[in-house]
Amino acid sequence: MSKLYKLINTYELNKKFDDNITSLRIEIFENVSNSQYKQARVWGIRSYDLYPTFVNLVNNVDKPIHSSDLLSINITNLVIDDLTIVEGKKIDENELLENVIESINKTIDVLSKL
């Protein structure tokens, strides 16, 4: 079986954690040689204010340059404890999505108790 997977679906999910809403993106991939095998990846989407110090110092600008960017951070290994979901598993897409969301919910429950 090939180790090559293609992206077949993307889902966005907002979850509340510590009084903040966190946006998550779940990507579902399918094996190119055997479509019964799927894998998932989870991204946390965060907003960051960036301040490029070198550009601001060198140009000695009156108005500093900054940006607010959305960055996607791969959090798959933080929220999924079933390695077969990450490596590829013979599973239906809807069942895989349910497993991933269940893992996300468990992780949030554990972290909220800390």
N, C-alpha and C. Protein backbone atom coordinates (compact mmCIF):
# COMPACT_ATOMS: atom_id res chain seq x y z
N MET A 1 0.84 -1.19 0.00
CA MET A 1 0.00 0.00 0.00
C MET A 1 0.88 1.24 0.00
N SER A 2 0.47 2.23 -0.74
CA SER A 2 1.22 3.48 -0.85
C SER A 2 1.16 4.26 0.46
N LYS A 3 2.22 5.03 0.73
CA LYS A 3 2.22 5.93 1.89
C LYS A 3 1.77 7.33 1.50
N LEU A 4 1.28 7.46 0.27
CA LEU A 4 0.84 8.74 -0.25
C LEU A 4 -0.66 8.92 0.01
N TYR A 5 -0.99 10.04 0.63
CA TYR A 5 -2.38 10.36 0.95
C TYR A 5 -2.76 11.68 0.28
N LYS A 6 -4.05 11.80 -0.06
CA LYS A 6 -4.54 13.07 -0.63
C LYS A 6 -5.62 13.64 0.28
N LEU A 7 -5.67 14.95 0.35
CA LEU A 7 -6.67 15.64 1.15
C LEU A 7 -8.02 15.48 0.49
N ILE A 8 -9.00 14.96 1.24
CA ILE A 8 -10.34 14.77 0.66
C ILE A 8 -11.39 15.67 1.31
N ASN A 9 -11.12 16.15 2.53
CA ASN A 9 -12.10 17.01 3.18
C ASN A 9 -11.44 17.84 4.27
N THR A 10 -12.01 19.01 4.51
CA THR A 10 -11.54 19.90 5.56
C THR A 10 -12.75 20.37 6.35
N TYR A 11 -12.63 20.32 7.66
CA TYR A 11 -13.71 20.76 8.55
C TYR A 11 -13.16 21.81 9.50
N GLU A 12 -14.00 22.79 9.83
CA GLU A 12 -13.62 23.81 10.82
C GLU A 12 -14.54 23.67 12.02
N LEU A 13 -13.97 23.85 13.19
CA LEU A 13 -14.69 23.63 14.42
C LEU A 13 -14.23 24.68 15.43
N ASN A 14 -15.17 25.30 16.13
CA ASN A 14 -14.83 26.24 17.19
C ASN A 14 -15.12 25.58 18.52
N LYS A 15 -14.13 25.58 19.41
CA LYS A 15 -14.28 24.98 20.73
C LYS A 15 -13.95 26.02 21.79
N LYS A 16 -14.70 25.98 22.90
CA LYS A 16 -14.43 26.88 24.01
C LYS A 16 -13.45 26.23 24.96
N PHE A 17 -12.42 26.98 25.31
CA PHE A 17 -11.40 26.50 26.25
C PHE A 17 -10.89 27.69 27.04
N ASP A 18 -10.97 27.61 28.37
CA ASP A 18 -10.52 28.71 29.25
C ASP A 18 -11.15 30.04 28.87
N ASP A 19 -12.43 30.07 28.67
CA ASP A 19 -13.19 31.28 28.32
C ASP A 19 -12.77 31.89 26.99
N ASN A 20 -12.06 31.14 26.18
CA ASN A 20 -11.68 31.60 24.84
C ASN A 20 -12.24 30.63 23.81
N ILE A 21 -12.58 31.17 22.66
CA ILE A 21 -13.00 30.32 21.55
C ILE A 21 -11.77 30.02 20.70
N THR A 22 -11.49 28.74 20.52
CA THR A 22 -10.35 28.31 19.72
C THR A 22 -10.87 27.71 18.42
N SER A 23 -10.33 28.17 17.31
CA SER A 23 -10.71 27.62 16.01
C SER A 23 -9.79 26.45 15.69
N LEU A 24 -10.39 25.36 15.26
CA LEU A 24 -9.65 24.17 14.89
C LEU A 24 -9.99 23.78 13.46
N ARG A 25 -9.02 23.27 12.76
CA ARG A 25 -9.24 22.75 11.41
C ARG A 25 -8.87 21.27 11.42
N ILE A 26 -9.80 20.45 10.97
CA ILE A 26 -9.58 19.00 10.88
C ILE A 26 -9.49 18.65 9.40
N GLU A 27 -8.38 18.04 9.02
CA GLU A 27 -8.19 17.61 7.64
C GLU A 27 -8.26 16.09 7.58
N ILE A 28 -9.01 15.58 6.61
CA ILE A 28 -9.14 14.15 6.40
C ILE A 28 -8.43 13.80 5.09
N PHE A 29 -7.56 12.81 5.16
CA PHE A 29 -6.79 12.36 4.00
C PHE A 29 -7.17 10.92 3.66
N GLU A 30 -7.04 10.59 2.38
CA GLU A 30 -7.34 9.25 1.88
C GLU A 30 -6.12 8.69 1.17
N ASN A 31 -5.83 7.42 1.41
CA ASN A 31 -4.70 6.77 0.74
C ASN A 31 -4.99 6.69 -0.76
N VAL A 32 -4.00 7.05 -1.59
CA VAL A 32 -4.23 7.08 -3.03
C VAL A 32 -4.36 5.70 -3.65
N SER A 33 -3.78 4.67 -3.02
CA SER A 33 -3.87 3.34 -3.61
C SER A 33 -4.96 2.48 -2.96
N ASN A 34 -5.46 2.88 -1.79
CA ASN A 34 -6.52 2.14 -1.12
C ASN A 34 -7.41 3.14 -0.38
N SER A 35 -8.53 3.50 -0.99
CA SER A 35 -9.38 4.57 -0.46
C SER A 35 -10.06 4.21 0.86
N GLN A 36 -9.94 2.96 1.30
CA GLN A 36 -10.53 2.59 2.60
C GLN A 36 -9.68 3.10 3.76
N TYR A 37 -8.41 3.44 3.49
CA TYR A 37 -7.51 3.91 4.54
C TYR A 37 -7.53 5.43 4.59
N LYS A 38 -7.77 5.95 5.78
CA LYS A 38 -7.85 7.39 6.00
C LYS A 38 -6.90 7.77 7.12
N GLN A 39 -6.55 9.05 7.17
CA GLN A 39 -5.80 9.61 8.29
C GLN A 39 -6.28 11.03 8.52
N ALA A 40 -5.98 11.57 9.68
CA ALA A 40 -6.45 12.91 10.03
C ALA A 40 -5.31 13.76 10.56
N ARG A 41 -5.49 15.06 10.40
CA ARG A 41 -4.55 16.04 10.95
C ARG A 41 -5.39 17.16 11.55
N VAL A 42 -4.95 17.69 12.70
CA VAL A 42 -5.69 18.75 13.38
C VAL A 42 -4.78 19.97 13.51
N TRP A 43 -5.33 21.12 13.16
CA TRP A 43 -4.60 22.39 13.23
C TRP A 43 -5.32 23.32 14.19
N GLY A 44 -4.56 23.98 15.04
CA GLY A 44 -5.08 25.06 15.85
C GLY A 44 -4.80 26.37 15.12
N ILE A 45 -5.81 27.20 14.98
CA ILE A 45 -5.64 28.46 14.25
C ILE A 45 -5.57 29.58 15.28
N ARG A 46 -4.44 30.24 15.33
CA ARG A 46 -4.19 31.28 16.33
C ARG A 46 -3.85 32.60 15.66
N SER A 47 -4.22 33.68 16.32
CA SER A 47 -3.88 35.02 15.85
C SER A 47 -2.70 35.53 16.66
N TYR A 48 -1.71 36.05 15.97
CA TYR A 48 -0.51 36.58 16.62
C TYR A 48 -0.23 37.99 16.13
N ASP A 49 0.17 38.86 17.04
CA ASP A 49 0.65 40.18 16.67
C ASP A 49 2.17 40.10 16.55
N LEU A 50 2.66 40.38 15.37
CA LEU A 50 4.10 40.26 15.10
C LEU A 50 4.72 41.64 14.97
N TYR A 51 5.89 41.79 15.55
CA TYR A 51 6.61 43.06 15.51
C TYR A 51 8.02 42.77 15.00
N PRO A 52 8.29 43.03 13.72
CA PRO A 52 9.62 42.75 13.18
C PRO A 52 10.64 43.77 13.66
N THR A 53 11.43 43.40 14.65
CA THR A 53 12.35 44.36 15.28
C THR A 53 13.44 44.85 14.34
N PHE A 54 14.01 43.98 13.51
CA PHE A 54 15.11 44.40 12.66
C PHE A 54 14.67 45.50 11.68
N VAL A 55 13.54 45.29 11.03
CA VAL A 55 13.03 46.28 10.07
C VAL A 55 12.75 47.60 10.77
N ASN A 56 12.17 47.54 11.93
CA ASN A 56 11.84 48.77 12.66
C ASN A 56 13.08 49.48 13.18
N LEU A 57 14.09 48.76 13.59
CA LEU A 57 15.31 49.38 14.10
C LEU A 57 16.17 49.98 12.99
N VAL A 58 16.31 49.25 11.89
CA VAL A 58 17.18 49.70 10.80
C VAL A 58 16.61 50.93 10.10
N ASN A 59 15.32 50.91 9.86
CA ASN A 59 14.70 52.02 9.13
C ASN A 59 14.38 53.21 10.02
N ASN A 60 14.45 53.03 11.33
CA ASN A 60 14.19 54.11 12.27
C ASN A 60 12.89 54.85 11.91
N VAL A 61 11.83 54.10 11.78
CA VAL A 61 10.56 54.66 11.32
C VAL A 61 9.79 55.31 12.46
N ASP A 62 9.02 56.33 12.09
CA ASP A 62 8.17 56.99 13.09
C ASP A 62 7.00 56.10 13.49
N LYS A 63 6.46 55.41 12.51
CA LYS A 63 5.36 54.49 12.78
C LYS A 63 5.89 53.06 12.61
N PRO A 64 6.03 52.33 13.69
CA PRO A 64 6.59 50.98 13.58
C PRO A 64 5.73 50.06 12.72
N ILE A 65 6.39 49.17 12.06
CA ILE A 65 5.71 48.17 11.24
C ILE A 65 5.34 47.00 12.14
N HIS A 66 4.12 46.56 12.04
CA HIS A 66 3.68 45.36 12.75
C HIS A 66 2.60 44.69 11.92
N SER A 67 2.28 43.48 12.28
CA SER A 67 1.22 42.77 11.57
C SER A 67 0.50 41.85 12.53
N SER A 68 -0.73 41.57 12.22
CA SER A 68 -1.51 40.57 12.95
C SER A 68 -1.78 39.44 11.97
N ASP A 69 -1.28 38.29 12.29
CA ASP A 69 -1.38 37.17 11.36
C ASP A 69 -2.08 36.00 12.02
N LEU A 70 -2.80 35.25 11.19
CA LEU A 70 -3.35 33.98 11.62
C LEU A 70 -2.37 32.88 11.24
N LEU A 71 -1.97 32.10 12.21
CA LEU A 71 -1.03 31.01 11.97
C LEU A 71 -1.70 29.69 12.32
N SER A 72 -1.50 28.72 11.48
CA SER A 72 -2.01 27.37 11.76
C SER A 72 -0.89 26.56 12.39
N ILE A 73 -1.19 25.94 13.52
CA ILE A 73 -0.21 25.15 14.25
C ILE A 73 -0.71 23.71 14.30
N ASN A 74 0.14 22.78 13.86
CA ASN A 74 -0.24 21.38 13.86
C ASN A 74 -0.28 20.88 15.30
N ILE A 75 -1.49 20.53 15.77
CA ILE A 75 -1.67 20.06 17.14
C ILE A 75 -2.17 18.61 17.18
N THR A 76 -2.00 17.91 16.07
CA THR A 76 -2.51 16.54 15.96
C THR A 76 -2.04 15.67 17.11
N ASN A 77 -0.75 15.66 17.39
CA ASN A 77 -0.21 14.78 18.43
C ASN A 77 -0.61 15.21 19.84
N LEU A 78 -1.07 16.43 19.99
CA LEU A 78 -1.52 16.90 21.30
C LEU A 78 -2.94 16.46 21.60
N VAL A 79 -3.77 16.30 20.57
CA VAL A 79 -5.18 16.02 20.80
C VAL A 79 -5.60 14.61 20.41
N ILE A 80 -4.76 13.87 19.71
CA ILE A 80 -5.12 12.52 19.30
C ILE A 80 -4.15 11.53 19.93
N ASP A 81 -4.70 10.59 20.70
CA ASP A 81 -3.83 9.60 21.33
C ASP A 81 -3.81 8.26 20.58
N ASP A 82 -4.61 8.13 19.54
CA ASP A 82 -4.65 6.93 18.72
C ASP A 82 -3.74 7.13 17.52
N LEU A 83 -2.56 6.55 17.58
CA LEU A 83 -1.56 6.75 16.53
C LEU A 83 -2.02 6.24 15.16
N THR A 84 -2.93 5.26 15.14
CA THR A 84 -3.40 4.74 13.85
C THR A 84 -4.18 5.80 13.07
N ILE A 85 -4.79 6.75 13.77
CA ILE A 85 -5.51 7.84 13.09
C ILE A 85 -4.52 8.74 12.36
N VAL A 86 -3.34 8.89 12.92
CA VAL A 86 -2.31 9.74 12.33
C VAL A 86 -1.60 9.01 11.19
N GLU A 87 -1.34 7.73 11.38
CA GLU A 87 -0.57 6.95 10.39
C GLU A 87 -1.41 6.44 9.23
N GLY A 88 -2.69 6.26 9.45
CA GLY A 88 -3.57 5.71 8.42
C GLY A 88 -4.29 4.49 8.96
N LYS A 89 -5.60 4.49 8.81
CA LYS A 89 -6.42 3.46 9.40
C LYS A 89 -7.55 3.11 8.44
N LYS A 90 -7.92 1.84 8.38
CA LYS A 90 -9.05 1.40 7.57
C LYS A 90 -10.32 1.81 8.30
N ILE A 91 -10.93 2.91 7.85
CA ILE A 91 -12.04 3.52 8.58
C ILE A 91 -12.86 4.39 7.64
N ASP A 92 -14.13 4.51 7.94
CA ASP A 92 -15.03 5.40 7.21
C ASP A 92 -14.73 6.85 7.60
N GLU A 93 -14.91 7.78 6.66
CA GLU A 93 -14.60 9.19 6.93
C GLU A 93 -15.40 9.75 8.09
N ASN A 94 -16.70 9.47 8.15
CA ASN A 94 -17.54 10.01 9.23
C ASN A 94 -17.13 9.45 10.59
N GLU A 95 -16.78 8.17 10.63
CA GLU A 95 -16.32 7.57 11.89
C GLU A 95 -14.99 8.18 12.32
N LEU A 96 -14.10 8.41 11.37
CA LEU A 96 -12.81 9.04 11.67
C LEU A 96 -13.03 10.44 12.23
N LEU A 97 -13.90 11.21 11.60
CA LEU A 97 -14.19 12.57 12.07
C LEU A 97 -14.75 12.53 13.49
N GLU A 98 -15.67 11.61 13.76
CA GLU A 98 -16.23 11.48 15.11
C GLU A 98 -15.14 11.13 16.13
N ASN A 99 -14.23 10.22 15.76
CA ASN A 99 -13.13 9.85 16.65
C ASN A 99 -12.23 11.03 16.96
N VAL A 100 -11.94 11.84 15.95
CA VAL A 100 -11.07 13.00 16.14
C VAL A 100 -11.75 14.03 17.05
N ILE A 101 -13.03 14.31 16.81
CA ILE A 101 -13.75 15.28 17.64
C ILE A 101 -13.84 14.78 19.08
N GLU A 102 -14.07 13.48 19.26
CA GLU A 102 -14.10 12.90 20.60
C GLU A 102 -12.75 13.06 21.30
N SER A 103 -11.66 12.84 20.57
CA SER A 103 -10.32 13.02 21.15
C SER A 103 -10.07 14.48 21.52
N ILE A 104 -10.51 15.40 20.68
CA ILE A 104 -10.38 16.83 20.98
C ILE A 104 -11.13 17.16 22.27
N ASN A 105 -12.36 16.68 22.39
CA ASN A 105 -13.17 16.95 23.58
C ASN A 105 -12.52 16.38 24.84
N LYS A 106 -11.97 15.17 24.76
CA LYS A 106 -11.28 14.57 25.91
C LYS A 106 -10.08 15.42 26.32
N THR A 107 -9.32 15.88 25.34
CA THR A 107 -8.14 16.69 25.63
C THR A 107 -8.54 18.00 26.31
N ILE A 108 -9.58 18.65 25.82
CA ILE A 108 -10.05 19.89 26.43
C ILE A 108 -10.52 19.65 27.85
N ASP A 109 -11.23 18.52 28.09
CA ASP A 109 -11.69 18.19 29.44
C ASP A 109 -10.51 18.03 30.39
N VAL A 110 -9.48 17.29 29.96
CA VAL A 110 -8.31 17.07 30.80
C VAL A 110 -7.59 18.40 31.09
N LEU A 111 -7.38 19.20 30.06
CA LEU A 111 -6.68 20.46 30.25
C LEU A 111 -7.45 21.45 31.11
N SER A 112 -8.76 21.41 31.03
CA SER A 112 -9.56 22.36 31.82
C SER A 112 -9.53 22.02 33.32
N LYS A 113 -9.16 20.79 33.65
CA LYS A 113 -9.10 20.38 35.06
C LYS A 113 -7.75 20.68 35.68
N LEU A 114 -6.77 21.10 34.88
CA LEU A 114 -5.44 21.40 35.41
C LEU A 114 -5.41 22.72 36.13
